[in-house]
Amino acid sequence: MRRGETGWRGVADAACPAGSDWPGQSGIAPVVRVNVSGRQFEQPGLVADVASALAEHALAPQRLCLELTETSLLRDRATPTKIFKELVD
């Protein structure tokens, strides 16, 4: 992985450039879906890594979908809620 604090960043550095290069059909651009483990999701730096990857690769935020397992959300409800709010902002 290149430099990501969360481990997720290496995946983003591969997925985001490809996604930004995909042409949209009928004005609709495809969404890039990236799996994020519960451990990665809870690591400090994920929000910063997401923002940095989007900016660096010129990918619109609405074109990135982070996919999480349900179990990672059920263990501790407060942390995912906080992180989701930060990602939306």
Protein backbone atom coordinates (compact mmCIF):
# COMPACT_ATOMS: atom_id res chain seq x y z
CA MET A 1 0.00 0.00 0.00
CA ARG A 2 1.28 3.39 -0.87
CA ARG A 3 0.89 5.47 2.24
CA GLY A 4 -2.58 5.08 3.75
CA GLU A 5 -2.87 5.23 7.48
CA THR A 6 -5.99 3.09 7.35
CA GLY A 7 -4.83 0.44 4.86
CA TRP A 8 -7.85 1.49 2.85
CA ARG A 9 -5.87 4.15 1.04
CA GLY A 10 -3.98 1.67 -1.14
CA VAL A 11 -7.27 0.30 -2.43
CA ALA A 12 -8.58 3.82 -3.00
CA ASP A 13 -5.45 4.74 -4.94
CA ALA A 14 -6.23 1.88 -7.31
CA ALA A 15 -10.02 2.30 -7.54
CA CYS A 16 -10.46 6.08 -7.66
CA PRO A 17 -8.35 6.78 -10.78
CA ALA A 18 -10.15 4.05 -12.69
CA GLY A 19 -13.49 5.43 -11.57
CA SER A 20 -12.66 8.99 -12.56
CA ASP A 21 -11.67 7.77 -16.04
CA TRP A 22 -14.90 5.83 -16.66
CA PRO A 23 -17.14 7.76 -18.99
CA GLY A 24 -20.73 8.21 -17.97
CA GLN A 25 -23.49 7.06 -20.27
CA SER A 26 -26.54 9.26 -20.72
CA GLY A 27 -25.02 11.73 -18.28
CA ILE A 28 -24.79 9.15 -15.50
CA ALA A 29 -21.32 8.21 -14.31
CA PRO A 30 -20.77 4.82 -12.65
CA VAL A 31 -20.15 4.53 -8.92
CA VAL A 32 -16.90 3.13 -7.56
CA ARG A 33 -17.57 0.64 -4.75
CA VAL A 34 -14.81 -0.09 -2.27
CA ASN A 35 -15.02 -2.63 0.54
CA VAL A 36 -13.92 -1.36 3.93
CA SER A 37 -13.39 -3.73 6.84
CA GLY A 38 -14.71 -2.88 10.28
CA ARG A 39 -11.15 -2.47 11.49
CA GLN A 40 -10.28 -0.08 8.66
CA PHE A 41 -13.50 1.87 9.19
CA GLU A 42 -12.66 2.49 12.85
CA GLN A 43 -9.05 3.59 12.24
CA PRO A 44 -8.19 7.25 12.76
CA GLY A 45 -7.46 8.86 9.44
CA LEU A 46 -10.15 7.16 7.32
CA VAL A 47 -12.09 10.38 6.74
CA ALA A 48 -8.91 12.25 5.82
CA ASP A 49 -7.83 9.40 3.52
CA VAL A 50 -11.22 9.42 1.76
CA ALA A 51 -11.11 13.20 1.25
CA SER A 52 -7.52 13.05 0.04
CA ALA A 53 -8.16 10.18 -2.39
CA LEU A 54 -11.20 11.94 -3.87
CA ALA A 55 -9.30 15.19 -4.34
CA GLU A 56 -6.11 13.58 -5.64
CA HIS A 57 -7.95 11.50 -8.22
CA ALA A 58 -10.64 14.08 -9.12
CA LEU A 59 -13.47 11.70 -8.25
CA ALA A 60 -16.76 13.32 -7.24
CA PRO A 61 -17.79 12.22 -3.71
CA GLN A 62 -21.17 10.94 -4.91
CA ARG A 63 -19.32 8.48 -7.15
CA LEU A 64 -17.64 6.67 -4.25
CA CYS A 65 -19.54 4.07 -2.24
CA LEU A 66 -17.88 2.61 0.84
CA GLU A 67 -19.23 -0.88 1.51
CA LEU A 68 -19.13 -2.11 5.10
CA THR A 69 -20.18 -5.36 6.70
CA GLU A 70 -23.15 -5.18 9.03
CA THR A 71 -21.18 -6.73 11.88
CA SER A 72 -18.73 -3.84 11.87
CA LEU A 73 -21.64 -1.50 12.46
CA LEU A 74 -23.32 -3.52 15.17
CA ARG A 75 -20.41 -3.82 17.61
CA ASP A 76 -20.29 -0.16 18.52
CA ARG A 77 -23.02 2.10 17.22
CA ALA A 78 -21.55 5.42 18.36
CA THR A 79 -18.31 5.21 16.38
CA PRO A 80 -19.85 4.40 12.97
CA THR A 81 -22.43 7.15 13.43
CA LYS A 82 -19.68 9.69 14.17
CA ILE A 83 -17.59 8.56 11.19
CA PHE A 84 -20.58 8.62 8.81
CA LYS A 85 -21.33 12.21 9.86
CA GLU A 86 -17.71 13.19 9.21
CA LEU A 87 -17.75 11.52 5.78
CA VAL A 88 -20.93 13.34 4.77
CA ASP A 89 -19.54 16.70 5.83
